């Protein structure tokens, strides 16, 4: 594969970089100040930035559909996503934020026309937000077949009962729709028991039990919530694709979602290294600048090597998804899902270390970024599950060879 940026990326990149410099970076302190005024309210500056991004044609860059968006491939989108990853709230400015991107792709791939009109259209317009409800507190949800929430047919409706947690976006004031995964037939084959259904947040029986914190961060105004579904009744037409298709839908959703997370993490790592280098060139300890300390230089060099290695693997994975599909690229997707958050976490740890006590505060944004990098080693499947899949596929190459 060629590492050089594709033509569409070359055209969009200067525009995106200019937009980030003019609007997003200066808005960081304003966004934080507005958010501190009322933690669970959308900062007014966000809607201003979204309007400017939409007017600039920097909108829905993630969707590979040239009728609904710009039709970028994963390889074309990857470098742009990396740039957005440099600022925590930037993806939302361009309507490219998780979990909405994954939910929009899910609806785009699997929803019927009526479901798309009701939910995908306003999501693409940035008018509403959404949440994906799969993880449960009482089972090991890293194995999606363990999900116990029941989705039971009752005449023209389905009735949902169950408990979910770590549901990102559920507390957002504009979150309007939940995509809920549960079991419609516990007696079916293992991967045909699950289904996914659309549940409006204001449906009777839906309760936000509590907002969860991530290493002490509440992630307002999005939040990660524990939800309770008690006899929640929705029309049967809200079922996506059909009974027993939930596991298939989940696998289709998670492939692109995993690579988007990794693309953004490259941007996080780049900014952490930049912050680290600025710090060590401006601080003196033991009679000379930190930048002249051999141990510090070693850490900087190692960080640059790790970023370049990770970026190349991400770009290769994006290229493979475009060329042969997510199923054939599942080893590469698993490899970046394991390696990229770990790489980012390590670089952030080094950056925090050179910032001394300040690195543990939120003055430099490093501790929050570290918390998210650590969380991504669990989100969308823990490292161990992905490593197991990588090893199985690797060993399969030798299964027919004699010892």
Protein backbone atom coordinates (compact mmCIF):
# COMPACT_ATOMS: atom_id res chain seq x y z
CA UNK A 1 0.00 0.00 0.00
CA UNK A 2 1.05 3.62 -0.55
CA UNK A 3 1.40 5.77 2.59
CA UNK A 4 0.84 9.04 0.72
CA UNK A 5 -2.52 10.63 1.51
CA UNK A 6 -5.31 9.93 -1.02
CA UNK A 7 -6.42 12.83 -3.22
CA UNK A 8 -9.65 13.53 -1.29
CA UNK A 9 -7.67 13.69 1.95
CA UNK A 10 -5.15 16.06 0.41
CA UNK A 11 -7.98 18.43 -0.54
CA UNK A 12 -9.75 18.27 2.81
CA UNK A 13 -6.75 18.26 5.14
CA UNK A 14 -5.74 21.94 4.71
CA UNK A 15 -9.34 23.00 5.25
CA UNK A 16 -9.66 20.86 8.38
CA UNK A 17 -6.33 22.03 9.82
CA UNK A 18 -7.28 25.67 9.20
CA UNK A 19 -10.67 25.14 10.84
CA UNK A 20 -9.06 23.50 13.88
CA UNK A 21 -6.56 26.36 14.23
CA UNK A 22 -9.17 29.10 13.80
CA UNK A 23 -12.08 27.66 15.75
CA UNK A 24 -11.45 24.49 17.77
CA UNK A 25 -8.14 25.10 19.59
CA UNK A 26 -9.20 28.62 20.70
CA UNK A 27 -12.51 27.17 21.90
CA UNK A 28 -10.93 24.65 24.30
CA UNK A 29 -10.88 26.99 27.31
CA UNK A 30 -14.27 28.48 26.40
CA UNK A 31 -15.82 25.01 26.13
CA UNK A 32 -14.42 24.01 29.52
CA UNK A 33 -15.61 27.24 31.15
CA UNK A 34 -19.13 26.90 29.75
CA UNK A 35 -19.29 23.25 30.77
CA UNK A 36 -18.25 24.08 34.32
CA UNK A 37 -21.22 26.43 34.62
CA UNK A 38 -23.65 23.52 34.31
CA UNK A 39 -22.10 20.08 33.92
CA UNK A 40 -24.95 18.36 32.09
CA UNK A 41 -25.83 21.12 29.65
CA UNK A 42 -24.38 21.27 26.12
CA UNK A 43 -21.98 24.24 26.05
CA UNK A 44 -23.48 26.89 23.73
CA UNK A 45 -20.19 27.17 21.85
CA UNK A 46 -20.65 23.59 20.60
CA UNK A 47 -23.69 24.48 18.50
CA UNK A 48 -21.84 27.50 17.13
CA UNK A 49 -18.89 25.35 16.11
CA UNK A 50 -21.13 22.69 14.55
CA UNK A 51 -22.89 25.29 12.42
CA UNK A 52 -19.52 26.61 11.20
CA UNK A 53 -18.25 23.10 10.42
CA UNK A 54 -21.39 22.23 8.49
CA UNK A 55 -21.14 25.47 6.50
CA UNK A 56 -17.50 24.68 5.72
CA UNK A 57 -18.43 21.25 4.32
CA UNK A 58 -16.59 19.45 7.14
CA UNK A 59 -19.55 17.31 8.20
CA UNK A 60 -20.17 13.56 8.52
CA UNK A 61 -16.69 12.81 7.18
CA UNK A 62 -16.86 9.24 8.54
CA UNK A 63 -19.70 7.97 6.34
CA UNK A 64 -18.62 6.28 3.05
CA UNK A 65 -21.78 7.35 1.21
CA UNK A 66 -21.43 10.08 -1.39
CA UNK A 67 -25.17 10.83 -1.32
CA UNK A 68 -25.48 11.37 2.43
CA UNK A 69 -21.91 12.59 3.05
CA UNK A 70 -18.60 13.10 1.24
CA UNK A 71 -18.22 9.38 0.60
CA UNK A 72 -14.73 9.07 2.08
CA UNK A 73 -13.17 5.63 2.39
CA UNK A 74 -11.64 4.53 5.69
CA UNK A 75 -8.18 5.25 4.30
CA UNK A 76 -9.25 8.74 3.23
CA UNK A 77 -10.90 9.42 6.57
CA UNK A 78 -8.12 8.10 8.83
CA UNK A 79 -5.74 11.11 8.70
CA UNK A 80 -8.66 13.52 9.17
CA UNK A 81 -9.93 11.54 12.15
CA UNK A 82 -6.44 11.70 13.65
CA UNK A 83 -6.52 15.50 13.51
CA UNK A 84 -9.90 15.57 15.25
CA UNK A 85 -8.54 13.28 17.96
CA UNK A 86 -6.18 16.00 19.14
CA UNK A 87 -9.03 17.79 20.98
CA UNK A 88 -11.47 15.72 23.07
CA UNK A 89 -14.64 17.46 21.87
CA UNK A 90 -13.54 18.08 18.27
CA UNK A 91 -15.17 14.98 16.70
CA UNK A 92 -18.58 16.25 17.82
CA UNK A 93 -17.94 19.57 16.05
CA UNK A 94 -17.84 17.66 12.75
CA UNK A 95 -20.60 15.16 13.68
CA UNK A 96 -17.95 12.44 13.75
CA UNK A 97 -18.19 11.48 17.43
CA UNK A 98 -18.71 8.10 19.02
CA UNK A 99 -21.07 6.44 19.71
CA UNK A 100 -23.18 8.33 17.16
CA UNK A 101 -20.89 7.42 14.25
CA UNK A 102 -21.26 3.72 15.00
CA UNK A 103 -25.01 4.07 15.45
CA UNK A 104 -25.37 6.02 12.22
CA UNK A 105 -23.39 3.37 10.35
CA UNK A 106 -25.54 0.68 11.94
CA UNK A 107 -28.74 2.40 10.80
CA UNK A 108 -27.26 3.11 7.38
CA UNK A 109 -26.37 -0.57 6.89
CA UNK A 110 -29.24 -2.37 8.59
CA UNK A 111 -32.28 -0.15 9.24
CA UNK A 112 -35.33 -0.07 6.99
CA UNK A 113 -36.45 3.11 5.21
CA UNK A 114 -38.91 4.16 7.92
CA UNK A 115 -36.31 3.70 10.67
CA UNK A 116 -33.75 5.67 8.67
CA UNK A 117 -36.17 8.53 8.11
CA UNK A 118 -37.09 8.72 11.79
CA UNK A 119 -33.62 8.31 13.33
CA UNK A 120 -30.76 8.34 10.82
CA UNK A 121 -31.79 11.59 9.12
CA UNK A 122 -31.78 13.71 12.32
CA UNK A 123 -28.58 12.03 13.50
CA UNK A 124 -26.84 12.93 10.25
CA UNK A 125 -28.11 16.48 10.66
CA UNK A 126 -26.65 16.63 14.18
CA UNK A 127 -30.08 17.42 15.63
CA UNK A 128 -30.19 14.49 18.07
CA UNK A 129 -27.78 12.12 19.82
CA UNK A 130 -27.94 8.37 20.40
CA UNK A 131 -26.66 5.54 22.60
CA UNK A 132 -25.81 1.87 22.05
CA UNK A 133 -26.95 -0.38 24.89
CA UNK A 134 -25.14 -3.71 25.04
CA UNK A 135 -22.93 -4.00 28.16
CA UNK A 136 -24.58 -5.43 31.28
CA UNK A 137 -23.41 -5.46 34.93
CA UNK A 138 -24.42 -9.04 35.72
CA UNK A 139 -22.67 -10.91 32.90
CA UNK A 140 -19.31 -10.85 31.11
CA UNK A 141 -20.42 -8.69 28.21
CA UNK A 142 -17.09 -9.11 26.42
CA UNK A 143 -18.90 -12.23 25.18
CA UNK A 144 -21.96 -10.66 23.57
CA UNK A 145 -23.82 -13.97 23.63
CA UNK A 146 -24.03 -13.60 27.43
CA UNK A 147 -26.39 -10.63 27.19
CA UNK A 148 -29.48 -11.35 29.29
CA UNK A 149 -31.82 -8.44 28.56
CA UNK A 150 -35.05 -9.92 27.20
CA UNK A 151 -36.88 -8.65 24.13
CA UNK A 152 -40.21 -10.46 24.09
CA UNK A 153 -42.87 -10.30 21.36
CA UNK A 154 -46.34 -9.33 22.60
CA UNK A 155 -48.81 -8.82 19.78
CA UNK A 156 -47.74 -5.81 17.74
CA UNK A 157 -45.13 -4.81 20.29
CA UNK A 158 -41.91 -5.99 21.89
CA UNK A 159 -41.42 -5.72 25.65
CA UNK A 160 -37.90 -5.13 26.97
CA UNK A 161 -36.64 -6.01 30.45
CA UNK A 162 -33.04 -5.78 31.62
CA UNK A 163 -30.23 -3.69 33.04
CA UNK A 164 -27.40 -2.06 31.07
CA UNK A 165 -24.41 -0.02 32.14
CA UNK A 166 -21.55 2.07 30.76
CA UNK A 167 -23.97 3.38 28.16
CA UNK A 168 -22.16 6.36 26.67
CA UNK A 169 -24.26 9.37 25.67
CA UNK A 170 -27.28 8.25 27.69
CA UNK A 171 -27.12 11.37 29.88
CA UNK A 172 -26.67 13.80 26.99
CA UNK A 173 -29.56 16.30 26.87
CA UNK A 174 -30.02 15.62 23.14
CA UNK A 175 -29.86 11.81 23.36
CA UNK A 176 -33.19 10.72 21.94
CA UNK A 177 -32.79 7.10 20.87
CA UNK A 178 -31.26 3.95 22.37
CA UNK A 179 -30.27 0.94 20.28
CA UNK A 180 -30.77 -1.96 22.69
CA UNK A 181 -29.33 -5.46 22.31
CA UNK A 182 -31.10 -8.34 24.01
CA UNK A 183 -32.38 -11.86 23.52
CA UNK A 184 -35.53 -12.66 21.57
CA UNK A 185 -35.05 -16.44 21.62
CA UNK A 186 -32.77 -17.97 24.30
CA UNK A 187 -33.36 -21.43 22.78
CA UNK A 188 -31.98 -20.57 19.32
CA UNK A 189 -28.44 -21.26 18.14
CA UNK A 190 -25.88 -19.35 20.20
CA UNK A 191 -25.38 -16.50 17.72
CA UNK A 192 -29.03 -16.26 16.66
CA UNK A 193 -30.52 -15.59 20.09
CA UNK A 194 -29.85 -11.84 20.07
CA UNK A 195 -31.73 -8.99 18.43
CA UNK A 196 -31.43 -5.20 18.38
CA UNK A 197 -34.31 -2.81 18.79
CA UNK A 198 -34.86 0.96 18.77
CA UNK A 199 -36.08 2.40 22.07
CA UNK A 200 -36.83 6.14 22.35
CA UNK A 201 -35.35 7.47 25.59
CA UNK A 202 -38.68 8.87 26.79
CA UNK A 203 -40.43 5.48 26.57
CA UNK A 204 -42.16 4.58 29.88
CA UNK A 205 -40.11 2.09 31.88
CA UNK A 206 -36.70 3.47 30.85
CA UNK A 207 -34.82 4.72 33.91
CA UNK A 208 -31.36 6.25 34.20
CA UNK A 209 -30.25 4.67 37.47
CA UNK A 210 -26.99 6.60 37.82
CA UNK A 211 -24.16 8.30 35.99
CA UNK A 212 -20.87 6.42 36.22
CA UNK A 213 -17.44 8.05 36.48
CA UNK A 214 -14.36 7.00 34.52
CA UNK A 215 -11.33 7.23 36.84
CA UNK A 216 -13.20 10.08 38.52
CA UNK A 217 -14.18 11.87 35.29
CA UNK A 218 -17.93 12.16 34.68
CA UNK A 219 -17.64 12.91 30.95
CA UNK A 220 -20.38 15.50 31.11
CA UNK A 221 -22.50 16.28 29.21
CA UNK A 222 -22.43 12.80 27.59
CA UNK A 223 -21.96 10.53 30.56
CA UNK A 224 -21.78 6.78 30.92
CA UNK A 225 -24.95 5.56 32.57
CA UNK A 226 -26.51 2.55 34.19
CA UNK A 227 -29.97 2.02 32.71
CA UNK A 228 -32.95 -0.04 33.80
CA UNK A 229 -35.55 -1.29 31.31
CA UNK A 230 -38.73 -2.39 33.09
CA UNK A 231 -41.55 -3.64 30.86
CA UNK A 232 -40.54 -1.16 28.18
CA UNK A 233 -43.00 -1.50 25.30
CA UNK A 234 -42.16 -0.40 21.75
CA UNK A 235 -43.74 -1.22 18.37
CA UNK A 236 -42.54 -4.41 16.65
CA UNK A 237 -41.52 -2.21 13.72
CA UNK A 238 -38.68 -0.89 15.91
CA UNK A 239 -36.80 -4.19 15.58
CA UNK A 240 -33.74 -3.79 13.36
CA UNK A 241 -33.27 -6.23 10.47
CA UNK A 242 -35.17 -9.09 12.15
CA UNK A 243 -35.13 -11.47 15.08
CA UNK A 244 -31.85 -13.26 15.68
CA UNK A 245 -29.75 -10.75 13.73
CA UNK A 246 -28.40 -8.83 16.76
CA UNK A 247 -24.99 -10.50 16.95
CA UNK A 248 -24.47 -9.98 13.22
CA UNK A 249 -25.40 -6.30 13.55
CA UNK A 250 -23.10 -5.86 16.56
CA UNK A 251 -20.13 -7.30 14.66
CA UNK A 252 -20.85 -5.04 11.71
CA UNK A 253 -21.05 -1.99 13.95
CA UNK A 254 -17.92 -2.64 15.99
CA UNK A 255 -15.48 -3.05 13.09
CA UNK A 256 -15.54 0.58 11.89
CA UNK A 257 -16.03 1.83 15.45
CA UNK A 258 -12.82 0.19 16.61
CA UNK A 259 -10.75 1.70 13.81
CA UNK A 260 -12.22 5.17 14.41
CA UNK A 261 -11.17 4.99 18.07
CA UNK A 262 -7.65 4.06 17.00
CA UNK A 263 -7.46 6.84 14.42
CA UNK A 264 -8.36 9.38 17.09
CA UNK A 265 -5.87 7.87 19.53
CA UNK A 266 -3.02 8.58 17.11
CA UNK A 267 -3.99 12.25 17.36
CA UNK A 268 -4.07 12.03 21.16
CA UNK A 269 -0.59 10.50 21.18
CA UNK A 270 0.77 13.15 18.81
CA UNK A 271 -0.51 15.95 20.98
CA UNK A 272 0.87 14.28 24.12
CA UNK A 273 4.32 14.06 22.53
CA UNK A 274 4.06 17.68 21.43
CA UNK A 275 3.11 18.70 24.98
CA UNK A 276 6.01 16.65 26.34
CA UNK A 277 8.56 18.26 24.00
CA UNK A 278 7.39 21.78 24.81
CA UNK A 279 7.65 21.03 28.50
CA UNK A 280 11.17 19.61 28.47
CA UNK A 281 12.53 22.46 26.36
CA UNK A 282 11.22 25.04 28.84
CA UNK A 283 12.08 23.43 32.21
CA UNK A 284 15.43 23.25 33.99
CA UNK A 285 16.37 20.64 36.57
CA UNK A 286 19.75 19.79 38.09
CA UNK A 287 21.48 22.57 36.21
CA UNK A 288 20.32 21.93 32.64
CA UNK A 289 17.14 21.80 30.55
CA UNK A 290 15.17 18.56 30.80
CA UNK A 291 15.58 18.23 27.02
CA UNK A 292 19.31 17.63 27.58
CA UNK A 293 18.71 14.73 29.95
CA UNK A 294 19.54 11.43 28.26
CA UNK A 295 16.62 9.56 29.82
CA UNK A 296 14.17 12.18 28.54
CA UNK A 297 15.58 12.02 25.02
CA UNK A 298 15.24 8.25 25.05
CA UNK A 299 11.57 8.58 25.98
CA UNK A 300 10.95 11.12 23.23
CA UNK A 301 12.62 8.94 20.63
CA UNK A 302 10.68 5.87 21.77
CA UNK A 303 7.44 7.82 21.63
CA UNK A 304 8.07 8.96 18.06
CA UNK A 305 8.91 5.41 16.98
CA UNK A 306 5.76 4.01 18.59
CA UNK A 307 3.48 6.61 17.00
CA UNK A 308 4.86 6.01 13.52
CA UNK A 309 4.53 2.24 13.91
CA UNK A 310 0.96 2.53 15.17
CA UNK A 311 -0.09 4.95 12.44
CA UNK A 312 1.17 2.64 9.70
CA UNK A 313 -0.77 -0.29 11.15
CA UNK A 314 -3.92 1.83 11.41
CA UNK A 315 -3.56 2.97 7.80
CA UNK A 316 -2.97 -0.59 6.65
CA UNK A 317 -6.09 -1.70 8.50
CA UNK A 318 -8.15 1.12 6.97
CA UNK A 319 -6.88 0.15 3.53
CA UNK A 320 -7.74 -3.51 4.12
CA UNK A 321 -11.28 -2.72 5.29
CA UNK A 322 -11.78 -0.70 2.11
CA UNK A 323 -10.33 -3.41 -0.13
CA UNK A 324 -11.51 -6.71 1.38
CA UNK A 325 -14.00 -5.78 4.12
CA UNK A 326 -13.94 -5.81 7.91
CA UNK A 327 -14.34 -9.58 8.14
CA UNK A 328 -11.14 -10.27 6.20
CA UNK A 329 -9.37 -7.49 8.11
CA UNK A 330 -10.43 -8.74 11.54
CA UNK A 331 -6.88 -9.63 12.62
CA UNK A 332 -5.63 -6.17 11.68
CA UNK A 333 -8.61 -4.54 13.44
CA UNK A 334 -7.83 -6.60 16.54
CA UNK A 335 -4.13 -5.71 16.37
CA UNK A 336 -4.75 -1.96 16.30
CA UNK A 337 -7.40 -2.26 18.99
CA UNK A 338 -4.81 -3.87 21.29
CA UNK A 339 -1.73 -1.88 20.32
CA UNK A 340 -2.90 1.69 19.73
CA UNK A 341 -4.58 2.48 23.09
CA UNK A 342 -1.60 0.88 24.88
CA UNK A 343 0.82 2.98 22.82
CA UNK A 344 -1.15 6.13 23.61
CA UNK A 345 -1.36 5.26 27.29
CA UNK A 346 2.42 4.78 27.47
CA UNK A 347 3.18 8.10 25.77
CA UNK A 348 0.70 9.92 27.99
CA UNK A 349 2.34 8.34 31.02
CA UNK A 350 5.73 9.70 29.91
CA UNK A 351 4.22 13.12 29.25
CA UNK A 352 2.61 13.14 32.69
CA UNK A 353 5.93 12.20 34.26
CA UNK A 354 7.85 15.13 32.75
CA UNK A 355 5.08 17.48 33.91
CA UNK A 356 5.74 16.49 37.49
CA UNK A 357 2.84 17.09 39.87
CA UNK A 358 1.08 19.09 37.15
CA UNK A 359 0.79 15.97 35.05
CA UNK A 360 -1.66 14.50 37.57
CA UNK A 361 -3.90 17.56 37.43
CA UNK A 362 -6.13 18.55 34.53
CA UNK A 363 -4.10 21.68 33.77
CA UNK A 364 -2.60 19.94 30.74
CA UNK A 365 -5.39 17.52 29.81
CA UNK A 366 -3.06 14.55 30.16
CA UNK A 367 -4.76 12.67 32.98
CA UNK A 368 -8.12 12.75 31.21
CA UNK A 369 -6.56 11.54 27.97
CA UNK A 370 -4.77 8.76 29.91
CA UNK A 371 -8.04 7.68 31.50
CA UNK A 372 -9.69 7.39 28.09
CA UNK A 373 -6.76 5.51 26.57
CA UNK A 374 -6.92 3.05 29.45
CA UNK A 375 -10.68 2.70 29.07
CA UNK A 376 -10.33 1.91 25.36
CA UNK A 377 -8.41 -1.22 26.31
CA UNK A 378 -11.76 -2.47 27.58
CA UNK A 379 -14.27 -0.68 25.34
CA UNK A 380 -15.42 -2.54 22.22
CA UNK A 381 -13.88 -5.72 23.63
CA UNK A 382 -10.99 -6.14 26.10
CA UNK A 383 -7.40 -6.66 24.97
CA UNK A 384 -7.50 -10.32 25.96
CA UNK A 385 -10.42 -11.13 23.63
CA UNK A 386 -8.75 -9.46 20.67
CA UNK A 387 -5.40 -11.11 21.42
CA UNK A 388 -7.10 -14.50 21.57
CA UNK A 389 -8.58 -13.96 18.12
CA UNK A 390 -5.25 -12.83 16.68
CA UNK A 391 -3.48 -15.89 18.07
CA UNK A 392 -6.14 -18.32 16.81
CA UNK A 393 -5.97 -16.96 13.28
CA UNK A 394 -2.17 -17.00 13.37
CA UNK A 395 -2.03 -20.60 14.57
CA UNK A 396 -4.55 -21.64 11.95
CA UNK A 397 -1.90 -20.98 9.30
CA UNK A 398 0.11 -23.88 10.68
CA UNK A 399 -2.67 -26.27 11.68
CA UNK A 400 -2.20 -28.51 8.62
CA UNK A 401 1.58 -28.62 8.79
CA UNK A 402 3.31 -31.64 10.22
CA UNK A 403 5.51 -31.12 13.24
